[in-house]
Amino acid sequence: MLFSPHLASAAAVPPQASLPTILVSLEDAKAEDTVTIDIAAKTVLGDHMVVASGRSHRHVGAIADHLVKDLKAAGHGPVRVEGLPHCDWVLVDVGDVIVHIFRPEVRSFYNLEKMWMAEPYSERRARA
């Protein structure tokens, strides 16, 4: 088997350790209305999804920058980031946790919490 730096860095920090780092970082950066959703049983994308808001484009970008710095300082990596140029919706993918940082108007439009917190159709149908 070949050595992979990606696997070595991922093994350095336990996967469940990134969620507390993320939540503390978002609080430190004054993110608003932070919601954590357990998605482990719904998808293979990750274990948790965190949704938070910033007050403006600049605040969303600052929250994302602060989060990426804190994750890297704590040894979580690789961290992938999308949406920084516009800062309406920034996605930070840590692997086990996906973080969405929105401006309030964009967050209410997409309403990810409603989509990911809803119970599966099969469970709703079984109760009927």
N, C-alpha and C. Protein backbone atom coordinates (compact mmCIF):
# COMPACT_ATOMS: atom_id res chain seq x y z
N MET A 1 0.84 -1.19 0.00
CA MET A 1 0.00 0.00 0.00
C MET A 1 0.88 1.24 0.00
N LEU A 2 0.54 2.22 -0.80
CA LEU A 2 1.29 3.47 -0.87
C LEU A 2 0.91 4.39 0.27
N PHE A 3 1.86 5.20 0.71
CA PHE A 3 1.60 6.19 1.75
C PHE A 3 0.78 7.34 1.18
N SER A 4 -0.25 7.72 1.89
CA SER A 4 -1.08 8.84 1.48
C SER A 4 -1.08 9.90 2.57
N PRO A 5 -0.56 11.11 2.30
CA PRO A 5 -0.57 12.15 3.32
C PRO A 5 -1.99 12.51 3.75
N HIS A 6 -2.96 12.37 2.83
CA HIS A 6 -4.35 12.67 3.18
C HIS A 6 -4.83 11.73 4.27
N LEU A 7 -4.54 10.43 4.13
CA LEU A 7 -4.96 9.46 5.13
C LEU A 7 -4.22 9.65 6.44
N ALA A 8 -2.97 9.99 6.37
CA ALA A 8 -2.19 10.19 7.59
C ALA A 8 -2.72 11.39 8.38
N SER A 9 -3.06 12.49 7.70
CA SER A 9 -3.56 13.66 8.43
C SER A 9 -4.96 13.42 8.96
N ALA A 10 -5.77 12.65 8.23
CA ALA A 10 -7.13 12.36 8.69
C ALA A 10 -7.09 11.47 9.93
N ALA A 11 -6.11 10.58 10.01
CA ALA A 11 -6.01 9.68 11.14
C ALA A 11 -5.45 10.37 12.38
N ALA A 12 -4.81 11.51 12.23
CA ALA A 12 -4.18 12.20 13.34
C ALA A 12 -5.19 12.72 14.35
N VAL A 13 -6.38 13.11 13.92
CA VAL A 13 -7.40 13.65 14.81
C VAL A 13 -8.65 12.80 14.65
N PRO A 14 -9.21 12.31 15.77
CA PRO A 14 -10.43 11.51 15.66
C PRO A 14 -11.55 12.30 14.98
N PRO A 15 -12.33 11.66 14.10
CA PRO A 15 -13.36 12.36 13.34
C PRO A 15 -14.35 13.12 14.21
N GLN A 16 -14.81 12.53 15.32
CA GLN A 16 -15.81 13.18 16.14
C GLN A 16 -15.27 14.42 16.85
N ALA A 17 -13.97 14.63 16.84
CA ALA A 17 -13.36 15.76 17.52
C ALA A 17 -13.57 17.07 16.77
N SER A 18 -13.93 17.04 15.49
CA SER A 18 -14.06 18.29 14.75
C SER A 18 -15.33 19.06 15.10
N LEU A 19 -16.41 18.40 15.52
CA LEU A 19 -17.65 19.10 15.83
C LEU A 19 -17.49 20.09 16.98
N PRO A 20 -16.89 19.71 18.11
CA PRO A 20 -16.70 20.70 19.18
C PRO A 20 -15.85 21.89 18.74
N THR A 21 -14.81 21.63 17.97
CA THR A 21 -13.96 22.71 17.46
C THR A 21 -14.78 23.67 16.60
N ILE A 22 -15.63 23.12 15.75
CA ILE A 22 -16.47 23.93 14.86
C ILE A 22 -17.43 24.78 15.67
N LEU A 23 -18.10 24.18 16.64
CA LEU A 23 -19.10 24.93 17.42
C LEU A 23 -18.47 26.05 18.23
N VAL A 24 -17.30 25.80 18.82
CA VAL A 24 -16.60 26.84 19.57
C VAL A 24 -16.15 27.96 18.64
N SER A 25 -15.63 27.60 17.48
CA SER A 25 -15.17 28.60 16.52
C SER A 25 -16.32 29.49 16.04
N LEU A 26 -17.46 28.86 15.74
CA LEU A 26 -18.63 29.65 15.28
C LEU A 26 -19.10 30.60 16.38
N GLU A 27 -19.09 30.13 17.62
CA GLU A 27 -19.50 30.99 18.73
C GLU A 27 -18.52 32.15 18.89
N ASP A 28 -17.22 31.85 18.81
CA ASP A 28 -16.19 32.90 18.93
C ASP A 28 -16.33 33.96 17.85
N ALA A 29 -16.73 33.54 16.65
CA ALA A 29 -16.85 34.47 15.52
C ALA A 29 -18.23 35.16 15.49
N LYS A 30 -19.03 34.93 16.51
CA LYS A 30 -20.36 35.56 16.64
C LYS A 30 -21.33 35.12 15.56
N ALA A 31 -21.22 33.86 15.12
CA ALA A 31 -22.21 33.32 14.20
C ALA A 31 -23.56 33.28 14.92
N GLU A 32 -24.63 33.43 14.16
CA GLU A 32 -25.96 33.49 14.74
C GLU A 32 -26.78 32.26 14.36
N ASP A 33 -27.72 31.91 15.23
CA ASP A 33 -28.69 30.84 14.97
C ASP A 33 -28.03 29.54 14.51
N THR A 34 -27.02 29.10 15.23
CA THR A 34 -26.31 27.87 14.86
C THR A 34 -27.14 26.65 15.20
N VAL A 35 -27.29 25.77 14.21
CA VAL A 35 -28.06 24.54 14.36
C VAL A 35 -27.18 23.37 13.94
N THR A 36 -27.18 22.30 14.74
CA THR A 36 -26.45 21.08 14.41
C THR A 36 -27.46 19.99 14.08
N ILE A 37 -27.25 19.32 12.95
CA ILE A 37 -28.16 18.27 12.50
C ILE A 37 -27.36 16.98 12.34
N ASP A 38 -27.84 15.91 12.96
CA ASP A 38 -27.21 14.60 12.82
C ASP A 38 -27.69 13.99 11.50
N ILE A 39 -26.78 13.81 10.55
CA ILE A 39 -27.15 13.29 9.23
C ILE A 39 -26.55 11.91 8.97
N ALA A 40 -25.94 11.31 9.97
CA ALA A 40 -25.24 10.03 9.79
C ALA A 40 -26.15 8.93 9.25
N ALA A 41 -27.40 8.89 9.69
CA ALA A 41 -28.32 7.84 9.24
C ALA A 41 -29.01 8.20 7.91
N LYS A 42 -28.80 9.42 7.42
CA LYS A 42 -29.50 9.88 6.22
C LYS A 42 -28.62 9.90 4.97
N THR A 43 -27.31 9.99 5.14
CA THR A 43 -26.42 10.12 4.00
C THR A 43 -25.00 9.69 4.37
N VAL A 44 -24.21 9.43 3.35
CA VAL A 44 -22.80 9.10 3.58
C VAL A 44 -21.92 10.36 3.44
N LEU A 45 -22.53 11.51 3.27
CA LEU A 45 -21.78 12.76 3.11
C LEU A 45 -21.00 13.13 4.37
N GLY A 46 -21.52 12.76 5.52
CA GLY A 46 -20.88 13.10 6.77
C GLY A 46 -21.72 12.66 7.93
N ASP A 47 -21.26 12.98 9.14
CA ASP A 47 -21.99 12.62 10.35
C ASP A 47 -22.90 13.75 10.83
N HIS A 48 -22.44 14.99 10.64
CA HIS A 48 -23.21 16.14 11.09
C HIS A 48 -23.20 17.24 10.05
N MET A 49 -24.25 18.04 10.09
CA MET A 49 -24.33 19.26 9.29
C MET A 49 -24.57 20.39 10.29
N VAL A 50 -23.81 21.46 10.12
CA VAL A 50 -23.98 22.63 10.97
C VAL A 50 -24.40 23.78 10.07
N VAL A 51 -25.46 24.48 10.46
CA VAL A 51 -25.95 25.62 9.70
C VAL A 51 -25.90 26.83 10.62
N ALA A 52 -25.32 27.92 10.12
CA ALA A 52 -25.20 29.14 10.91
C ALA A 52 -25.38 30.35 10.00
N SER A 53 -25.60 31.50 10.61
CA SER A 53 -25.79 32.74 9.85
C SER A 53 -24.78 33.79 10.27
N GLY A 54 -24.46 34.65 9.30
CA GLY A 54 -23.70 35.86 9.55
C GLY A 54 -24.58 37.04 9.18
N ARG A 55 -24.31 38.19 9.74
CA ARG A 55 -25.17 39.36 9.53
C ARG A 55 -25.02 40.00 8.15
N SER A 56 -23.89 39.80 7.50
CA SER A 56 -23.62 40.44 6.21
C SER A 56 -22.63 39.59 5.42
N HIS A 57 -22.36 40.00 4.17
CA HIS A 57 -21.35 39.31 3.36
C HIS A 57 -20.02 39.25 4.11
N ARG A 58 -19.63 40.38 4.64
CA ARG A 58 -18.34 40.48 5.33
C ARG A 58 -18.31 39.57 6.56
N HIS A 59 -19.41 39.54 7.31
CA HIS A 59 -19.46 38.70 8.51
C HIS A 59 -19.42 37.21 8.14
N VAL A 60 -20.13 36.81 7.10
CA VAL A 60 -20.09 35.42 6.64
C VAL A 60 -18.66 35.02 6.27
N GLY A 61 -17.98 35.87 5.52
CA GLY A 61 -16.59 35.59 5.13
C GLY A 61 -15.67 35.52 6.33
N ALA A 62 -15.86 36.42 7.30
CA ALA A 62 -15.02 36.42 8.51
C ALA A 62 -15.24 35.16 9.34
N ILE A 63 -16.50 34.74 9.46
CA ILE A 63 -16.81 33.50 10.19
C ILE A 63 -16.11 32.32 9.52
N ALA A 64 -16.22 32.22 8.20
CA ALA A 64 -15.59 31.12 7.47
C ALA A 64 -14.07 31.14 7.62
N ASP A 65 -13.45 32.29 7.49
CA ASP A 65 -12.00 32.40 7.65
C ASP A 65 -11.57 31.97 9.05
N HIS A 66 -12.30 32.45 10.05
CA HIS A 66 -12.00 32.10 11.45
C HIS A 66 -12.12 30.59 11.66
N LEU A 67 -13.17 29.99 11.10
CA LEU A 67 -13.41 28.56 11.23
C LEU A 67 -12.28 27.75 10.59
N VAL A 68 -11.89 28.12 9.39
CA VAL A 68 -10.82 27.39 8.69
C VAL A 68 -9.52 27.48 9.48
N LYS A 69 -9.19 28.65 9.99
CA LYS A 69 -7.96 28.81 10.79
C LYS A 69 -8.01 27.94 12.05
N ASP A 70 -9.16 27.94 12.73
CA ASP A 70 -9.28 27.14 13.95
C ASP A 70 -9.19 25.64 13.66
N LEU A 71 -9.81 25.20 12.57
CA LEU A 71 -9.75 23.78 12.21
C LEU A 71 -8.33 23.36 11.87
N LYS A 72 -7.62 24.17 11.11
CA LYS A 72 -6.24 23.85 10.75
C LYS A 72 -5.35 23.86 11.98
N ALA A 73 -5.56 24.83 12.89
CA ALA A 73 -4.76 24.90 14.12
C ALA A 73 -5.00 23.68 15.01
N ALA A 74 -6.21 23.12 14.96
CA ALA A 74 -6.54 21.95 15.77
C ALA A 74 -6.13 20.64 15.10
N GLY A 75 -5.58 20.71 13.89
CA GLY A 75 -5.11 19.52 13.19
C GLY A 75 -6.14 18.82 12.34
N HIS A 76 -7.24 19.49 12.07
CA HIS A 76 -8.27 18.90 11.20
C HIS A 76 -7.97 19.27 9.76
N GLY A 77 -7.95 18.29 8.91
CA GLY A 77 -7.66 18.60 7.53
C GLY A 77 -7.89 17.38 6.68
N PRO A 78 -7.96 17.52 5.42
CA PRO A 78 -8.01 18.79 4.71
C PRO A 78 -9.38 19.45 4.84
N VAL A 79 -9.39 20.76 4.82
CA VAL A 79 -10.62 21.54 4.90
C VAL A 79 -10.89 22.11 3.52
N ARG A 80 -12.06 21.83 2.98
CA ARG A 80 -12.45 22.35 1.66
C ARG A 80 -13.47 23.45 1.84
N VAL A 81 -13.31 24.54 1.10
CA VAL A 81 -14.18 25.71 1.24
C VAL A 81 -14.73 26.11 -0.12
N GLU A 82 -16.02 26.39 -0.18
CA GLU A 82 -16.68 26.88 -1.40
C GLU A 82 -17.49 28.11 -1.07
N GLY A 83 -17.52 29.07 -1.96
CA GLY A 83 -18.39 30.23 -1.83
C GLY A 83 -17.77 31.47 -1.23
N LEU A 84 -16.48 31.46 -0.97
CA LEU A 84 -15.85 32.64 -0.35
C LEU A 84 -15.87 33.90 -1.21
N PRO A 85 -15.77 33.83 -2.51
CA PRO A 85 -15.76 35.10 -3.26
C PRO A 85 -17.02 35.94 -3.07
N HIS A 86 -18.20 35.29 -2.95
CA HIS A 86 -19.44 36.07 -2.85
C HIS A 86 -19.94 36.19 -1.41
N CYS A 87 -19.70 35.17 -0.59
CA CYS A 87 -20.05 35.16 0.82
C CYS A 87 -21.55 35.28 1.09
N ASP A 88 -22.39 34.81 0.17
CA ASP A 88 -23.81 34.67 0.46
C ASP A 88 -24.03 33.36 1.21
N TRP A 89 -23.32 32.33 0.75
CA TRP A 89 -23.42 30.98 1.32
C TRP A 89 -22.03 30.37 1.20
N VAL A 90 -21.39 30.13 2.32
CA VAL A 90 -20.06 29.51 2.32
C VAL A 90 -20.20 28.12 2.92
N LEU A 91 -19.66 27.14 2.21
CA LEU A 91 -19.67 25.75 2.65
C LEU A 91 -18.26 25.37 3.07
N VAL A 92 -18.13 24.83 4.27
CA VAL A 92 -16.84 24.35 4.77
C VAL A 92 -17.01 22.86 5.03
N ASP A 93 -16.26 22.05 4.28
CA ASP A 93 -16.36 20.60 4.37
C ASP A 93 -15.14 20.06 5.11
N VAL A 94 -15.37 19.50 6.28
CA VAL A 94 -14.29 18.96 7.09
C VAL A 94 -14.19 17.45 6.93
N GLY A 95 -15.13 16.87 6.21
CA GLY A 95 -15.16 15.42 6.02
C GLY A 95 -16.29 14.81 6.79
N ASP A 96 -16.19 14.80 8.11
CA ASP A 96 -17.26 14.25 8.95
C ASP A 96 -18.34 15.28 9.25
N VAL A 97 -18.02 16.55 9.09
CA VAL A 97 -18.97 17.63 9.35
C VAL A 97 -18.98 18.58 8.16
N ILE A 98 -20.17 18.97 7.73
CA ILE A 98 -20.34 19.95 6.66
C ILE A 98 -20.95 21.19 7.30
N VAL A 99 -20.29 22.33 7.13
CA VAL A 99 -20.75 23.57 7.74
C VAL A 99 -21.25 24.50 6.64
N HIS A 100 -22.45 25.02 6.81
CA HIS A 100 -23.04 26.00 5.90
C HIS A 100 -23.17 27.31 6.66
N ILE A 101 -22.58 28.37 6.12
CA ILE A 101 -22.68 29.70 6.73
C ILE A 101 -23.38 30.60 5.72
N PHE A 102 -24.53 31.14 6.12
CA PHE A 102 -25.39 31.90 5.22
C PHE A 102 -25.58 33.34 5.68
N ARG A 103 -25.92 34.20 4.73
CA ARG A 103 -26.59 35.45 5.08
C ARG A 103 -28.02 35.06 5.41
N PRO A 104 -28.71 35.76 6.32
CA PRO A 104 -30.05 35.35 6.75
C PRO A 104 -31.06 35.16 5.60
N GLU A 105 -31.04 36.05 4.60
CA GLU A 105 -32.01 35.94 3.49
C GLU A 105 -31.78 34.68 2.68
N VAL A 106 -30.53 34.34 2.47
CA VAL A 106 -30.19 33.16 1.68
C VAL A 106 -30.53 31.90 2.47
N ARG A 107 -30.28 31.95 3.77
CA ARG A 107 -30.60 30.79 4.62
C ARG A 107 -32.10 30.51 4.62
N SER A 108 -32.90 31.53 4.74
CA SER A 108 -34.35 31.31 4.76
C SER A 108 -34.85 30.83 3.40
N PHE A 109 -34.21 31.25 2.30
CA PHE A 109 -34.62 30.81 0.97
C PHE A 109 -34.37 29.31 0.79
N TYR A 110 -33.18 28.84 1.15
CA TYR A 110 -32.83 27.43 0.95
C TYR A 110 -33.37 26.51 2.04
N ASN A 111 -33.51 27.02 3.25
CA ASN A 111 -34.11 26.30 4.37
C ASN A 111 -33.58 24.86 4.51
N LEU A 112 -32.27 24.72 4.59
CA LEU A 112 -31.64 23.40 4.71
C LEU A 112 -32.08 22.64 5.96
N GLU A 113 -32.32 23.37 7.04
CA GLU A 113 -32.72 22.70 8.27
C GLU A 113 -34.01 21.90 8.06
N LYS A 114 -34.97 22.48 7.39
CA LYS A 114 -36.25 21.79 7.17
C LYS A 114 -36.03 20.53 6.33
N MET A 115 -35.21 20.65 5.30
CA MET A 115 -34.98 19.52 4.42
C MET A 115 -34.26 18.38 5.15
N TRP A 116 -33.21 18.69 5.91
CA TRP A 116 -32.39 17.65 6.53
C TRP A 116 -32.95 17.14 7.85
N MET A 117 -33.81 17.92 8.51
CA MET A 117 -34.38 17.48 9.78
C MET A 117 -35.67 16.68 9.58
N ALA A 118 -36.26 16.75 8.41
CA ALA A 118 -37.50 16.02 8.15
C ALA A 118 -37.27 14.53 8.24
N GLU A 119 -38.27 13.82 8.74
CA GLU A 119 -38.13 12.37 8.80
C GLU A 119 -38.33 11.78 7.41
N PRO A 120 -37.70 10.66 7.13
CA PRO A 120 -37.82 10.05 5.80
C PRO A 120 -39.27 9.72 5.44
N TYR A 121 -39.55 9.76 4.16
CA TYR A 121 -40.89 9.48 3.66
C TYR A 121 -41.38 8.11 4.12
N SER A 122 -40.50 7.11 4.11
CA SER A 122 -40.90 5.75 4.51
C SER A 122 -41.39 5.71 5.96
N GLU A 123 -40.78 6.51 6.84
CA GLU A 123 -41.22 6.54 8.24
C GLU A 123 -42.55 7.28 8.38
N ARG A 124 -42.76 8.35 7.62
CA ARG A 124 -44.04 9.06 7.67
C ARG A 124 -45.16 8.15 7.17
N ARG A 125 -44.87 7.40 6.11
CA ARG A 125 -45.87 6.52 5.49
C ARG A 125 -46.21 5.35 6.42
N ALA A 126 -45.24 4.85 7.15
CA ALA A 126 -45.45 3.72 8.05
C ALA A 126 -46.43 4.08 9.18
N ARG A 127 -46.42 5.34 9.60
CA ARG A 127 -47.32 5.78 10.67
C ARG A 127 -48.74 5.99 10.17
N ALA A 128 -48.91 6.22 8.89
CA ALA A 128 -50.24 6.54 8.36
C ALA A 128 -51.18 5.37 8.33
